[in-house]
Amino acid sequence: MPLCPIHMTGLEFFCRTDNLCVCSVCVGTAEHRGHSVVPAQREWQIKKSQLGIHEVELKELIYERERKVEEIRSSVQKMKVSSQIIY
């Protein structure tokens, strides 16, 4: 587990306000008082599931783009054949 550079203790929490991992000592300081702080493990699980959702969405977008590229290639090929028949 990474250590807090200030207190040399484990970074067990995640400060959502500052978007960084903090130790238990940092949580009690004025710098993070009133911030949204959650256990780092919990936040990691949430971020991991969000990444999985984004991965699925990106794969769908990639598939759609590949399909459109294939449609364009097919149209270009048809246009080439069509232009050869005219001349």
PDB file of N, CA and C in Angstrom:
ATOM      1  N   MET A   1       0.845  -1.176   0.000  1.00  0.00           N
ATOM      2  CA  MET A   1       0.000   0.000   0.000  1.00  0.00           C
ATOM      3  C   MET A   1       0.895   1.246   0.000  1.00  0.00           C
ATOM      4  N   PRO A   2       0.577   2.212  -0.844  1.00  0.00           N
ATOM      5  CA  PRO A   2       1.362   3.453  -0.872  1.00  0.00           C
ATOM      6  C   PRO A   2       1.256   4.199   0.467  1.00  0.00           C
ATOM      7  N   LEU A   3       2.293   4.925   0.780  1.00  0.00           N
ATOM      8  CA  LEU A   3       2.329   5.669   2.043  1.00  0.00           C
ATOM      9  C   LEU A   3       2.114   7.157   1.816  1.00  0.00           C
ATOM     10  N   CYS A   4       1.508   7.788   2.800  1.00  0.00           N
ATOM     11  CA  CYS A   4       1.347   9.241   2.789  1.00  0.00           C
ATOM     12  C   CYS A   4       2.742   9.865   2.888  1.00  0.00           C
ATOM     13  N   PRO A   5       3.081  10.762   1.983  1.00  0.00           N
ATOM     14  CA  PRO A   5       4.417  11.370   2.033  1.00  0.00           C
ATOM     15  C   PRO A   5       4.629  12.262   3.259  1.00  0.00           C
ATOM     16  N   ILE A   6       3.562  12.709   3.883  1.00  0.00           N
ATOM     17  CA  ILE A   6       3.661  13.584   5.049  1.00  0.00           C
ATOM     18  C   ILE A   6       3.718  12.781   6.343  1.00  0.00           C
ATOM     19  N   HIS A   7       2.811  11.799   6.496  1.00  0.00           N
ATOM     20  CA  HIS A   7       2.674  11.076   7.761  1.00  0.00           C
ATOM     21  C   HIS A   7       3.257   9.660   7.728  1.00  0.00           C
ATOM     22  N   MET A   8       3.675   9.199   6.553  1.00  0.00           N
ATOM     23  CA  MET A   8       4.269   7.871   6.379  1.00  0.00           C
ATOM     24  C   MET A   8       3.344   6.755   6.880  1.00  0.00           C
ATOM     25  N   THR A   9       2.036   6.943   6.673  1.00  0.00           N
ATOM     26  CA  THR A   9       1.047   5.907   6.996  1.00  0.00           C
ATOM     27  C   THR A   9       0.313   5.553   5.705  1.00  0.00           C
ATOM     28  N   GLY A  10      -0.365   4.418   5.725  1.00  0.00           N
ATOM     29  CA  GLY A  10      -1.061   3.949   4.531  1.00  0.00           C
ATOM     30  C   GLY A  10      -2.152   4.890   4.062  1.00  0.00           C
ATOM     31  N   LEU A  11      -2.276   5.008   2.736  1.00  0.00           N
ATOM     32  CA  LEU A  11      -3.323   5.834   2.140  1.00  0.00           C
ATOM     33  C   LEU A  11      -4.601   4.995   2.062  1.00  0.00           C
ATOM     34  N   GLU A  12      -5.337   4.976   3.141  1.00  0.00           N
ATOM     35  CA  GLU A  12      -6.508   4.110   3.277  1.00  0.00           C
ATOM     36  C   GLU A  12      -7.809   4.767   2.836  1.00  0.00           C
ATOM     37  N   PHE A  13      -7.799   6.072   2.613  1.00  0.00           N
ATOM     38  CA  PHE A  13      -9.024   6.794   2.274  1.00  0.00           C
ATOM     39  C   PHE A  13      -8.864   7.549   0.971  1.00  0.00           C
ATOM     40  N   PHE A  14     -10.017   7.894   0.374  1.00  0.00           N
ATOM     41  CA  PHE A  14     -10.029   8.678  -0.850  1.00  0.00           C
ATOM     42  C   PHE A  14     -10.863   9.924  -0.608  1.00  0.00           C
ATOM     43  N   CYS A  15     -10.276  11.083  -0.837  1.00  0.00           N
ATOM     44  CA  CYS A  15     -10.979  12.362  -0.696  1.00  0.00           C
ATOM     45  C   CYS A  15     -11.591  12.684  -2.054  1.00  0.00           C
ATOM     46  N   ARG A  16     -12.919  12.574  -2.137  1.00  0.00           N
ATOM     47  CA  ARG A  16     -13.603  12.849  -3.400  1.00  0.00           C
ATOM     48  C   ARG A  16     -13.540  14.327  -3.753  1.00  0.00           C
ATOM     49  N   THR A  17     -13.493  15.179  -2.754  1.00  0.00           N
ATOM     50  CA  THR A  17     -13.431  16.619  -2.990  1.00  0.00           C
ATOM     51  C   THR A  17     -12.142  16.991  -3.710  1.00  0.00           C
ATOM     52  N   ASP A  18     -11.023  16.438  -3.251  1.00  0.00           N
ATOM     53  CA  ASP A  18      -9.720  16.752  -3.839  1.00  0.00           C
ATOM     54  C   ASP A  18      -9.270  15.704  -4.861  1.00  0.00           C
ATOM     55  N   ASN A  19     -10.042  14.614  -4.981  1.00  0.00           N
ATOM     56  CA  ASN A  19      -9.748  13.536  -5.928  1.00  0.00           C
ATOM     57  C   ASN A  19      -8.351  12.945  -5.701  1.00  0.00           C
ATOM     58  N   LEU A  20      -8.068  12.594  -4.433  1.00  0.00           N
ATOM     59  CA  LEU A  20      -6.789  11.964  -4.128  1.00  0.00           C
ATOM     60  C   LEU A  20      -6.888  11.090  -2.892  1.00  0.00           C
ATOM     61  N   CYS A  21      -5.939  10.160  -2.799  1.00  0.00           N
ATOM     62  CA  CYS A  21      -5.896   9.258  -1.646  1.00  0.00           C
ATOM     63  C   CYS A  21      -5.233   9.970  -0.470  1.00  0.00           C
ATOM     64  N   VAL A  22      -5.760   9.719   0.718  1.00  0.00           N
ATOM     65  CA  VAL A  22      -5.220  10.337   1.931  1.00  0.00           C
ATOM     66  C   VAL A  22      -5.148   9.293   3.043  1.00  0.00           C
ATOM     67  N   CYS A  23      -4.323   9.587   4.049  1.00  0.00           N
ATOM     68  CA  CYS A  23      -4.208   8.676   5.189  1.00  0.00           C
ATOM     69  C   CYS A  23      -5.209   9.078   6.264  1.00  0.00           C
ATOM     70  N   SER A  24      -5.297   8.267   7.307  1.00  0.00           N
ATOM     71  CA  SER A  24      -6.255   8.547   8.381  1.00  0.00           C
ATOM     72  C   SER A  24      -5.896   9.836   9.131  1.00  0.00           C
ATOM     73  N   VAL A  25      -4.624  10.166   9.189  1.00  0.00           N
ATOM     74  CA  VAL A  25      -4.212  11.406   9.865  1.00  0.00           C
ATOM     75  C   VAL A  25      -4.640  12.610   9.034  1.00  0.00           C
ATOM     76  N   CYS A  26      -4.448  12.519   7.706  1.00  0.00           N
ATOM     77  CA  CYS A  26      -4.836  13.620   6.810  1.00  0.00           C
ATOM     78  C   CYS A  26      -6.339  13.893   6.879  1.00  0.00           C
ATOM     79  N   VAL A  27      -7.133  12.835   7.031  1.00  0.00           N
ATOM     80  CA  VAL A  27      -8.590  12.987   7.081  1.00  0.00           C
ATOM     81  C   VAL A  27      -8.981  13.928   8.220  1.00  0.00           C
ATOM     82  N   GLY A  28      -8.275  13.870   9.325  1.00  0.00           N
ATOM     83  CA  GLY A  28      -8.599  14.687  10.485  1.00  0.00           C
ATOM     84  C   GLY A  28      -8.039  16.094  10.435  1.00  0.00           C
ATOM     85  N   THR A  29      -7.258  16.414   9.433  1.00  0.00           N
ATOM     86  CA  THR A  29      -6.657  17.759   9.371  1.00  0.00           C
ATOM     87  C   THR A  29      -7.632  18.764   8.773  1.00  0.00           C
ATOM     88  N   ALA A  30      -7.329  20.029   8.967  1.00  0.00           N
ATOM     89  CA  ALA A  30      -8.173  21.107   8.442  1.00  0.00           C
ATOM     90  C   ALA A  30      -8.235  21.072   6.921  1.00  0.00           C
ATOM     91  N   GLU A  31      -7.197  20.563   6.296  1.00  0.00           N
ATOM     92  CA  GLU A  31      -7.133  20.522   4.836  1.00  0.00           C
ATOM     93  C   GLU A  31      -8.260  19.681   4.225  1.00  0.00           C
ATOM     94  N   HIS A  32      -8.701  18.646   4.941  1.00  0.00           N
ATOM     95  CA  HIS A  32      -9.743  17.760   4.416  1.00  0.00           C
ATOM     96  C   HIS A  32     -11.024  17.764   5.249  1.00  0.00           C
ATOM     97  N   ARG A  33     -11.082  18.613   6.254  1.00  0.00           N
ATOM     98  CA  ARG A  33     -12.270  18.683   7.109  1.00  0.00           C
ATOM     99  C   ARG A  33     -13.470  19.126   6.276  1.00  0.00           C
ATOM    100  N   GLY A  34     -14.570  18.402   6.402  1.00  0.00           N
ATOM    101  CA  GLY A  34     -15.776  18.733   5.662  1.00  0.00           C
ATOM    102  C   GLY A  34     -15.805  18.174   4.248  1.00  0.00           C
ATOM    103  N   HIS A  35     -14.733  17.510   3.836  1.00  0.00           N
ATOM    104  CA  HIS A  35     -14.679  16.924   2.503  1.00  0.00           C
ATOM    105  C   HIS A  35     -15.398  15.576   2.484  1.00  0.00           C
ATOM    106  N   SER A  36     -15.737  15.144   1.298  1.00  0.00           N
ATOM    107  CA  SER A  36     -16.342  13.827   1.123  1.00  0.00           C
ATOM    108  C   SER A  36     -15.215  12.797   1.066  1.00  0.00           C
ATOM    109  N   VAL A  37     -15.027  12.063   2.169  1.00  0.00           N
ATOM    110  CA  VAL A  37     -13.945  11.078   2.268  1.00  0.00           C
ATOM    111  C   VAL A  37     -14.562   9.698   2.462  1.00  0.00           C
ATOM    112  N   VAL A  38     -14.084   8.736   1.654  1.00  0.00           N
ATOM    113  CA  VAL A  38     -14.590   7.361   1.716  1.00  0.00           C
ATOM    114  C   VAL A  38     -13.397   6.413   1.758  1.00  0.00           C
ATOM    115  N   PRO A  39     -13.605   5.169   2.184  1.00  0.00           N
ATOM    116  CA  PRO A  39     -12.512   4.199   2.148  1.00  0.00           C
ATOM    117  C   PRO A  39     -11.991   4.032   0.709  1.00  0.00           C
ATOM    118  N   ALA A  40     -10.698   3.993   0.558  1.00  0.00           N
ATOM    119  CA  ALA A  40     -10.079   3.903  -0.766  1.00  0.00           C
ATOM    120  C   ALA A  40     -10.509   2.638  -1.503  1.00  0.00           C
ATOM    121  N   GLN A  41     -10.624   1.532  -0.782  1.00  0.00           N
ATOM    122  CA  GLN A  41     -11.025   0.266  -1.400  1.00  0.00           C
ATOM    123  C   GLN A  41     -12.420   0.385  -2.022  1.00  0.00           C
ATOM    124  N   ARG A  42     -13.315   1.026  -1.320  1.00  0.00           N
ATOM    125  CA  ARG A  42     -14.685   1.212  -1.824  1.00  0.00           C
ATOM    126  C   ARG A  42     -14.676   2.066  -3.086  1.00  0.00           C
ATOM    127  N   GLU A  43     -13.945   3.160  -3.044  1.00  0.00           N
ATOM    128  CA  GLU A  43     -13.866   4.052  -4.209  1.00  0.00           C
ATOM    129  C   GLU A  43     -13.230   3.333  -5.392  1.00  0.00           C
ATOM    130  N   TRP A  44     -12.230   2.498  -5.123  1.00  0.00           N
ATOM    131  CA  TRP A  44     -11.577   1.727  -6.180  1.00  0.00           C
ATOM    132  C   TRP A  44     -12.587   0.812  -6.863  1.00  0.00           C
ATOM    133  N   GLN A  45     -13.433   0.145  -6.071  1.00  0.00           N
ATOM    134  CA  GLN A  45     -14.448  -0.736  -6.637  1.00  0.00           C
ATOM    135  C   GLN A  45     -15.430   0.049  -7.512  1.00  0.00           C
ATOM    136  N   ILE A  46     -15.832   1.214  -7.057  1.00  0.00           N
ATOM    137  CA  ILE A  46     -16.755   2.059  -7.822  1.00  0.00           C
ATOM    138  C   ILE A  46     -16.112   2.474  -9.134  1.00  0.00           C
ATOM    139  N   LYS A  47     -14.882   2.968  -9.066  1.00  0.00           N
ATOM    140  CA  LYS A  47     -14.171   3.414 -10.280  1.00  0.00           C
ATOM    141  C   LYS A  47     -13.960   2.248 -11.233  1.00  0.00           C
ATOM    142  N   LYS A  48     -13.658   1.077 -10.700  1.00  0.00           N
ATOM    143  CA  LYS A  48     -13.437  -0.106 -11.527  1.00  0.00           C
ATOM    144  C   LYS A  48     -14.715  -0.468 -12.287  1.00  0.00           C
ATOM    145  N   SER A  49     -15.862  -0.428 -11.615  1.00  0.00           N
ATOM    146  CA  SER A  49     -17.120  -0.755 -12.284  1.00  0.00           C
ATOM    147  C   SER A  49     -17.464   0.311 -13.323  1.00  0.00           C
ATOM    148  N   GLN A  50     -17.172   1.572 -13.033  1.00  0.00           N
ATOM    149  CA  GLN A  50     -17.414   2.641 -14.004  1.00  0.00           C
ATOM    150  C   GLN A  50     -16.550   2.439 -15.245  1.00  0.00           C
ATOM    151  N   LEU A  51     -15.311   2.023 -15.040  1.00  0.00           N
ATOM    152  CA  LEU A  51     -14.428   1.754 -16.178  1.00  0.00           C
ATOM    153  C   LEU A  51     -14.961   0.614 -17.025  1.00  0.00           C
ATOM    154  N   GLY A  52     -15.510  -0.401 -16.384  1.00  0.00           N
ATOM    155  CA  GLY A  52     -16.094  -1.522 -17.120  1.00  0.00           C
ATOM    156  C   GLY A  52     -17.249  -1.059 -17.993  1.00  0.00           C
ATOM    157  N   ILE A  53     -18.078  -0.178 -17.458  1.00  0.00           N
ATOM    158  CA  ILE A  53     -19.204   0.365 -18.222  1.00  0.00           C
ATOM    159  C   ILE A  53     -18.684   1.174 -19.400  1.00  0.00           C
ATOM    160  N   HIS A  54     -17.675   2.020 -19.167  1.00  0.00           N
ATOM    161  CA  HIS A  54     -17.100   2.829 -20.240  1.00  0.00           C
ATOM    162  C   HIS A  54     -16.457   1.945 -21.303  1.00  0.00           C
ATOM    163  N   GLU A  55     -15.836   0.858 -20.881  1.00  0.00           N
ATOM    164  CA  GLU A  55     -15.203  -0.054 -21.826  1.00  0.00           C
ATOM    165  C   GLU A  55     -16.249  -0.647 -22.769  1.00  0.00           C
ATOM    166  N   VAL A  56     -17.372  -1.071 -22.236  1.00  0.00           N
ATOM    167  CA  VAL A  56     -18.455  -1.630 -23.058  1.00  0.00           C
ATOM    168  C   VAL A  56     -18.963  -0.569 -24.033  1.00  0.00           C
ATOM    169  N   GLU A  57     -19.166   0.653 -23.540  1.00  0.00           N
ATOM    170  CA  GLU A  57     -19.645   1.738 -24.404  1.00  0.00           C
ATOM    171  C   GLU A  57     -18.660   2.020 -25.524  1.00  0.00           C
ATOM    172  N   LEU A  58     -17.358   2.044 -25.197  1.00  0.00           N
ATOM    173  CA  LEU A  58     -16.340   2.299 -26.215  1.00  0.00           C
ATOM    174  C   LEU A  58     -16.277   1.178 -27.243  1.00  0.00           C
ATOM    175  N   LYS A  59     -16.416  -0.062 -26.800  1.00  0.00           N
ATOM    176  CA  LYS A  59     -16.417  -1.182 -27.738  1.00  0.00           C
ATOM    177  C   LYS A  59     -17.597  -1.080 -28.701  1.00  0.00           C
ATOM    178  N   GLU A  60     -18.745  -0.656 -28.196  1.00  0.00           N
ATOM    179  CA  GLU A  60     -19.916  -0.473 -29.049  1.00  0.00           C
ATOM    180  C   GLU A  60     -19.662   0.632 -30.070  1.00  0.00           C
ATOM    181  N   LEU A  61     -19.060   1.732 -29.643  1.00  0.00           N
ATOM    182  CA  LEU A  61     -18.745   2.826 -30.560  1.00  0.00           C
ATOM    183  C   LEU A  61     -17.747   2.384 -31.630  1.00  0.00           C
ATOM    184  N   ILE A  62     -16.741   1.629 -31.213  1.00  0.00           N
ATOM    185  CA  ILE A  62     -15.748   1.128 -32.164  1.00  0.00           C
ATOM    186  C   ILE A  62     -16.416   0.226 -33.191  1.00  0.00           C
ATOM    187  N   TYR A  63     -17.277  -0.674 -32.725  1.00  0.00           N
ATOM    188  CA  TYR A  63     -17.977  -1.584 -33.633  1.00  0.00           C
ATOM    189  C   TYR A  63     -18.818  -0.783 -34.632  1.00  0.00           C
ATOM    190  N   GLU A  64     -19.524   0.232 -34.138  1.00  0.00           N
ATOM    191  CA  GLU A  64     -20.360   1.051 -35.004  1.00  0.00           C
ATOM    192  C   GLU A  64     -19.519   1.776 -36.050  1.00  0.00           C
ATOM    193  N   ARG A  65     -18.372   2.313 -35.639  1.00  0.00           N
ATOM    194  CA  ARG A  65     -17.486   3.010 -36.585  1.00  0.00           C
ATOM    195  C   ARG A  65     -16.932   2.043 -37.628  1.00  0.00           C
ATOM    196  N   GLU A  66     -16.563   0.844 -37.192  1.00  0.00           N
ATOM    197  CA  GLU A  66     -16.054  -0.150 -38.134  1.00  0.00           C
ATOM    198  C   GLU A  66     -17.131  -0.529 -39.146  1.00  0.00           C
ATOM    199  N   ARG A  67     -18.360  -0.641 -38.685  1.00  0.00           N
ATOM    200  CA  ARG A  67     -19.467  -0.969 -39.578  1.00  0.00           C
ATOM    201  C   ARG A  67     -19.675   0.153 -40.594  1.00  0.00           C
ATOM    202  N   LYS A  68     -19.592   1.401 -40.159  1.00  0.00           N
ATOM    203  CA  LYS A  68     -19.763   2.534 -41.060  1.00  0.00           C
ATOM    204  C   LYS A  68     -18.619   2.602 -42.076  1.00  0.00           C
ATOM    205  N   VAL A  69     -17.412   2.321 -41.632  1.00  0.00           N
ATOM    206  CA  VAL A  69     -16.275   2.303 -42.553  1.00  0.00           C
ATOM    207  C   VAL A  69     -16.493   1.240 -43.620  1.00  0.00           C
ATOM    208  N   GLU A  70     -16.980   0.087 -43.211  1.00  0.00           N
ATOM    209  CA  GLU A  70     -17.252  -0.986 -44.176  1.00  0.00           C
ATOM    210  C   GLU A  70     -18.349  -0.576 -45.150  1.00  0.00           C
ATOM    211  N   GLU A  71     -19.371   0.122 -44.670  1.00  0.00           N
ATOM    212  CA  GLU A  71     -20.419   0.625 -45.555  1.00  0.00           C
ATOM    213  C   GLU A  71     -19.848   1.596 -46.582  1.00  0.00           C
ATOM    214  N   ILE A  72     -18.974   2.471 -46.134  1.00  0.00           N
ATOM    215  CA  ILE A  72     -18.344   3.446 -47.040  1.00  0.00           C
ATOM    216  C   ILE A  72     -17.497   2.724 -48.074  1.00  0.00           C
ATOM    217  N   ARG A  73     -16.717   1.752 -47.643  1.00  0.00           N
ATOM    218  CA  ARG A  73     -15.894   0.985 -48.590  1.00  0.00           C
ATOM    219  C   ARG A  73     -16.770   0.293 -49.630  1.00  0.00           C
ATOM    220  N   SER A  74     -17.852  -0.275 -49.169  1.00  0.00           N
ATOM    221  CA  SER A  74     -18.772  -0.955 -50.075  1.00  0.00           C
ATOM    222  C   SER A  74     -19.361   0.034 -51.080  1.00  0.00           C
ATOM    223  N   SER A  75     -19.752   1.207 -50.604  1.00  0.00           N
ATOM    224  CA  SER A  75     -20.306   2.236 -51.493  1.00  0.00           C
ATOM    225  C   SER A  75     -19.276   2.693 -52.510  1.00  0.00           C
ATOM    226  N   VAL A  76     -18.044   2.875 -52.065  1.00  0.00           N
ATOM    227  CA  VAL A  76     -16.967   3.290 -52.976  1.00  0.00           C
ATOM    228  C   VAL A  76     -16.756   2.221 -54.038  1.00  0.00           C
ATOM    229  N   GLN A  77     -16.744   0.983 -53.627  1.00  0.00           N
ATOM    230  CA  GLN A  77     -16.558  -0.121 -54.575  1.00  0.00           C
ATOM    231  C   GLN A  77     -17.699  -0.141 -55.594  1.00  0.00           C
ATOM    232  N   LYS A  78     -18.926   0.037 -55.140  1.00  0.00           N
ATOM    233  CA  LYS A  78     -20.078   0.074 -56.044  1.00  0.00           C
ATOM    234  C   LYS A  78     -19.978   1.243 -57.012  1.00  0.00           C
ATOM    235  N   MET A  79     -19.514   2.376 -56.531  1.00  0.00           N
ATOM    236  CA  MET A  79     -19.358   3.553 -57.385  1.00  0.00           C
ATOM    237  C   MET A  79     -18.292   3.308 -58.444  1.00  0.00           C
ATOM    238  N   LYS A  80     -17.206   2.646 -58.081  1.00  0.00           N
ATOM    239  CA  LYS A  80     -16.153   2.324 -59.043  1.00  0.00           C
ATOM    240  C   LYS A  80     -16.698   1.419 -60.138  1.00  0.00           C
ATOM    241  N   VAL A  81     -17.411   0.397 -59.722  1.00  0.00           N
ATOM    242  CA  VAL A  81     -17.995  -0.550 -60.688  1.00  0.00           C
ATOM    243  C   VAL A  81     -18.989   0.201 -61.571  1.00  0.00           C
ATOM    244  N   SER A  82     -19.810   1.019 -60.974  1.00  0.00           N
ATOM    245  CA  SER A  82     -20.814   1.768 -61.720  1.00  0.00           C
ATOM    246  C   SER A  82     -20.154   2.722 -62.717  1.00  0.00           C
ATOM    247  N   SER A  83     -19.087   3.373 -62.325  1.00  0.00           N
ATOM    248  CA  SER A  83     -18.405   4.330 -63.223  1.00  0.00           C
ATOM    249  C   SER A  83     -17.718   3.599 -64.365  1.00  0.00           C
ATOM    250  N   GLN A  84     -17.276   2.388 -64.174  1.00  0.00           N
ATOM    251  CA  GLN A  84     -16.646   1.601 -65.232  1.00  0.00           C
ATOM    252  C   GLN A  84     -17.677   1.168 -66.265  1.00  0.00           C
ATOM    253  N   ILE A  85     -18.882   0.908 -65.836  1.00  0.00           N
ATOM    254  CA  ILE A  85     -19.933   0.470 -66.734  1.00  0.00           C
ATOM    255  C   ILE A  85     -20.355   1.638 -67.628  1.00  0.00           C
ATOM    256  N   ILE A  86     -20.401   2.829 -67.094  1.00  0.00           N
ATOM    257  CA  ILE A  86     -20.810   4.014 -67.866  1.00  0.00           C
ATOM    258  C   ILE A  86     -19.811   4.318 -68.953  1.00  0.00           C
ATOM    259  N   TYR A  87     -18.520   4.235 -68.670  1.00  0.00           N
ATOM    260  CA  TYR A  87     -17.505   4.563 -69.672  1.00  0.00           C
ATOM    261  C   TYR A  87     -17.217   3.345 -70.438  1.00  0.00           C
TER     262      TYR A  87
END
